Amino acid sequence: MAAANANIGVAKAAFYPKVLLNGSGGFESVSASDLFTWPSHLWAIGPTMQLPIFTGGRNRAQLASARAAYDGTVAAYRQTVLTAFQDVEDQLAAQRLLAQQLDEETAALASAQRTLDISNNRYKAGVEQYLDVIVAQASELTHQQNVVQLNGQKLAASVSLINAMGAGWQTSSVTSARR
């Protein structure tokens, strides 16, 4: 954005006159034998002024182009910032949602474990069939798998949140630490 803004300044400067300081030097002589003597030295210094009298609208077009490029750069920067904020907000919402789901699934797992204990006690007492124990074990296993899966998703969302906030790591340092 700073470079695009500077280009606007350059385009505005084209509307103003330019003052240049020129200088030249050399040797001048009628005969080759006197070419490198002191009196044959020649030098000149003087200012030059350039005025943009008629440019055919080129300066205005360049200024408009520089402003449009700046506006495009600002819009791209804003979009990048908004996308970054959206990524962070999405990951924070995912953290919150996954934590809530994990709490509910953990409670369901505790309930399934209590149900399994009750079914085992009832089976040992001879009140119910072993099929009820198997159903309770399957239910507990399903809830355990869900808790593990939600923990994994929560950890992945944590990594995504760290990445969305601009942090990161280099794979070379991670692989060298494993060796």
Protein backbone atom coordinates (compact mmCIF):
# COMPACT_ATOMS: atom_id res chain seq x y z
CA MET A 1 0.00 0.00 0.00
CA ALA A 2 2.86 2.36 0.79
CA ALA A 3 4.35 1.84 -2.68
CA ALA A 4 0.97 2.45 -4.34
CA ASN A 5 0.56 5.63 -2.28
CA ALA A 6 4.04 6.76 -3.33
CA ASN A 7 3.07 6.18 -6.97
CA ILE A 8 0.24 8.69 -6.49
CA GLY A 9 2.82 11.23 -5.32
CA VAL A 10 4.95 10.52 -8.38
CA ALA A 11 1.94 10.99 -10.65
CA LYS A 12 1.11 14.31 -8.96
CA ALA A 13 4.71 15.47 -9.34
CA ALA A 14 4.39 15.12 -13.12
CA PHE A 15 2.08 18.17 -13.12
CA TYR A 16 4.82 20.48 -11.78
CA PRO A 17 7.87 21.86 -13.59
CA LYS A 18 11.19 20.08 -13.24
CA VAL A 19 14.38 22.00 -12.56
CA LEU A 20 17.58 20.20 -13.47
CA LEU A 21 21.21 21.19 -12.95
CA ASN A 22 23.37 20.05 -15.85
CA GLY A 23 27.10 20.05 -16.23
CA SER A 24 29.56 18.98 -18.90
CA GLY A 25 33.28 19.09 -19.44
CA GLY A 26 35.88 18.16 -22.01
CA PHE A 27 38.64 19.35 -24.31
CA GLU A 28 38.44 21.44 -27.47
CA SER A 29 41.27 22.41 -29.78
CA VAL A 30 41.88 23.19 -33.41
CA SER A 31 45.11 21.20 -33.55
CA ALA A 32 45.84 17.84 -31.99
CA SER A 33 49.03 19.12 -30.36
CA ASP A 34 47.12 21.66 -28.23
CA LEU A 35 44.28 19.26 -27.31
CA PHE A 36 45.46 18.43 -23.77
CA THR A 37 46.84 21.84 -22.77
CA TRP A 38 45.15 23.91 -20.09
CA PRO A 39 43.58 26.53 -22.41
CA SER A 40 41.80 23.80 -24.36
CA HIS A 41 39.77 22.68 -21.33
CA LEU A 42 36.03 23.24 -21.75
CA TRP A 43 33.30 23.08 -19.15
CA ALA A 44 29.74 24.28 -18.73
CA ILE A 45 27.22 24.29 -15.84
CA GLY A 46 23.66 25.47 -16.07
CA PRO A 47 20.08 24.88 -15.01
CA THR A 48 17.38 23.41 -17.22
CA MET A 49 13.64 23.77 -16.66
CA GLN A 50 11.03 21.43 -18.12
CA LEU A 51 7.35 22.40 -18.14
CA PRO A 52 4.49 19.97 -18.81
CA ILE A 53 2.63 22.29 -21.19
CA PHE A 54 0.87 19.77 -23.40
CA THR A 55 0.88 16.08 -22.50
CA GLY A 56 -2.41 15.09 -24.11
CA GLY A 57 -4.02 14.05 -20.82
CA ARG A 58 -1.23 11.62 -20.02
CA ASN A 59 -0.55 13.12 -16.57
CA ARG A 60 -4.23 12.98 -15.57
CA ALA A 61 -4.51 9.42 -16.84
CA GLN A 62 -1.40 8.37 -14.91
CA LEU A 63 -2.76 10.04 -11.75
CA ALA A 64 -6.11 8.28 -12.17
CA SER A 65 -4.33 4.99 -12.80
CA ALA A 66 -2.16 5.43 -9.68
CA ARG A 67 -5.23 6.24 -7.57
CA ALA A 68 -7.10 3.21 -8.96
CA ALA A 69 -4.10 0.98 -8.23
CA TYR A 70 -3.98 2.35 -4.69
CA ASP A 71 -7.70 1.76 -4.21
CA GLY A 72 -7.27 -1.80 -5.49
CA THR A 73 -4.38 -2.38 -3.11
CA VAL A 74 -6.38 -1.02 -0.18
CA ALA A 75 -9.34 -3.23 -1.09
CA ALA A 76 -7.10 -6.31 -1.30
CA TYR A 77 -5.56 -5.45 2.07
CA ARG A 78 -8.98 -5.00 3.65
CA GLN A 79 -10.13 -8.33 2.21
CA THR A 80 -7.03 -10.03 3.60
CA VAL A 81 -7.64 -8.57 7.05
CA LEU A 82 -11.33 -9.48 7.00
CA THR A 83 -10.50 -13.02 5.90
CA ALA A 84 -7.98 -13.33 8.72
CA PHE A 85 -10.53 -12.10 11.27
CA GLN A 86 -13.11 -14.51 9.86
CA ASP A 87 -10.67 -17.43 10.14
CA VAL A 88 -9.90 -16.59 13.76
CA GLU A 89 -13.58 -16.14 14.62
CA ASP A 90 -14.47 -19.44 12.90
CA GLN A 91 -11.81 -21.29 14.85
CA LEU A 92 -12.88 -19.70 18.14
CA ALA A 93 -16.48 -20.72 17.44
CA ALA A 94 -15.30 -24.24 16.58
CA GLN A 95 -13.41 -24.38 19.89
CA ARG A 96 -16.50 -23.31 21.80
CA LEU A 97 -18.80 -25.73 19.96
CA LEU A 98 -16.43 -28.69 20.25
CA ALA A 99 -15.90 -28.03 23.98
CA GLN A 100 -19.67 -28.04 24.50
CA GLN A 101 -20.09 -31.24 22.47
CA LEU A 102 -17.20 -32.86 24.35
CA ASP A 103 -18.79 -32.02 27.71
CA GLU A 104 -22.11 -33.49 26.61
CA GLU A 105 -20.49 -36.62 25.17
CA THR A 106 -18.41 -37.09 28.34
CA ALA A 107 -21.60 -36.94 30.38
CA ALA A 108 -23.20 -39.46 28.02
CA LEU A 109 -20.14 -41.71 28.42
CA ALA A 110 -20.42 -41.56 32.21
CA SER A 111 -24.10 -42.46 31.92
CA ALA A 112 -23.28 -45.37 29.58
CA GLN A 113 -20.67 -46.61 32.04
CA ARG A 114 -23.23 -46.52 34.87
CA THR A 115 -25.70 -48.38 32.65
CA LEU A 116 -23.06 -51.01 31.90
CA ASP A 117 -22.30 -51.43 35.60
CA ILE A 118 -26.01 -51.83 36.37
CA SER A 119 -26.43 -54.33 33.50
CA ASN A 120 -23.43 -56.35 34.73
CA ASN A 121 -24.82 -56.42 38.29
CA ARG A 122 -28.27 -57.44 37.05
CA TYR A 123 -26.75 -60.17 34.84
CA LYS A 124 -24.69 -61.50 37.75
CA ALA A 125 -27.84 -61.49 39.90
CA GLY A 126 -29.62 -63.45 37.15
CA VAL A 127 -32.27 -60.82 36.52
CA GLU A 128 -31.44 -60.07 32.85
CA GLN A 129 -29.86 -61.75 29.86
CA TYR A 130 -26.29 -61.27 28.65
CA LEU A 131 -27.62 -59.60 25.50
CA ASP A 132 -28.50 -56.52 27.59
CA VAL A 133 -24.90 -56.40 28.84
CA ILE A 134 -23.62 -56.58 25.24
CA VAL A 135 -25.93 -53.73 24.22
CA ALA A 136 -24.67 -51.63 27.17
CA GLN A 137 -21.03 -52.42 26.23
CA ALA A 138 -21.67 -51.41 22.61
CA SER A 139 -23.24 -48.15 23.79
CA GLU A 140 -20.28 -47.42 26.07
CA LEU A 141 -17.82 -48.18 23.27
CA THR A 142 -19.66 -45.84 20.90
CA HIS A 143 -19.53 -43.03 23.45
CA GLN A 144 -15.82 -43.67 24.10
CA GLN A 145 -15.12 -43.45 20.36
CA ASN A 146 -17.10 -40.21 20.16
CA VAL A 147 -15.14 -38.70 23.07
CA VAL A 148 -11.82 -39.64 21.43
CA GLN A 149 -12.99 -38.27 18.08
CA LEU A 150 -14.17 -34.99 19.63
CA ASN A 151 -10.87 -34.65 21.51
CA GLY A 152 -9.02 -35.06 18.21
CA GLN A 153 -11.25 -32.51 16.50
CA LYS A 154 -10.73 -30.08 19.37
CA LEU A 155 -6.95 -30.44 19.14
CA ALA A 156 -7.08 -29.98 15.35
CA ALA A 157 -9.22 -26.87 15.84
CA SER A 158 -6.64 -25.57 18.34
CA VAL A 159 -3.90 -25.99 15.76
CA SER A 160 -6.08 -24.28 13.15
CA LEU A 161 -6.70 -21.40 15.57
CA ILE A 162 -2.98 -21.00 16.17
CA ASN A 163 -2.40 -21.03 12.42
CA ALA A 164 -5.22 -18.52 11.80
CA MET A 165 -3.69 -16.17 14.36
CA GLY A 166 -0.49 -16.09 12.33
CA ALA A 167 1.69 -18.49 14.23
CA GLY A 168 3.29 -21.44 12.61
CA TRP A 169 6.23 -23.77 12.57
CA GLN A 170 8.83 -24.99 10.16
CA THR A 171 8.81 -28.63 9.23
CA SER A 172 12.61 -28.83 9.23
CA SER A 173 12.77 -28.05 12.95
CA VAL A 174 9.93 -30.47 13.73
CA THR A 175 11.51 -33.36 11.82
CA SER A 176 14.97 -32.70 13.29
CA ALA A 177 13.47 -32.73 16.80
CA ARG A 178 11.97 -36.18 16.16
CA ARG A 179 15.33 -37.70 15.15
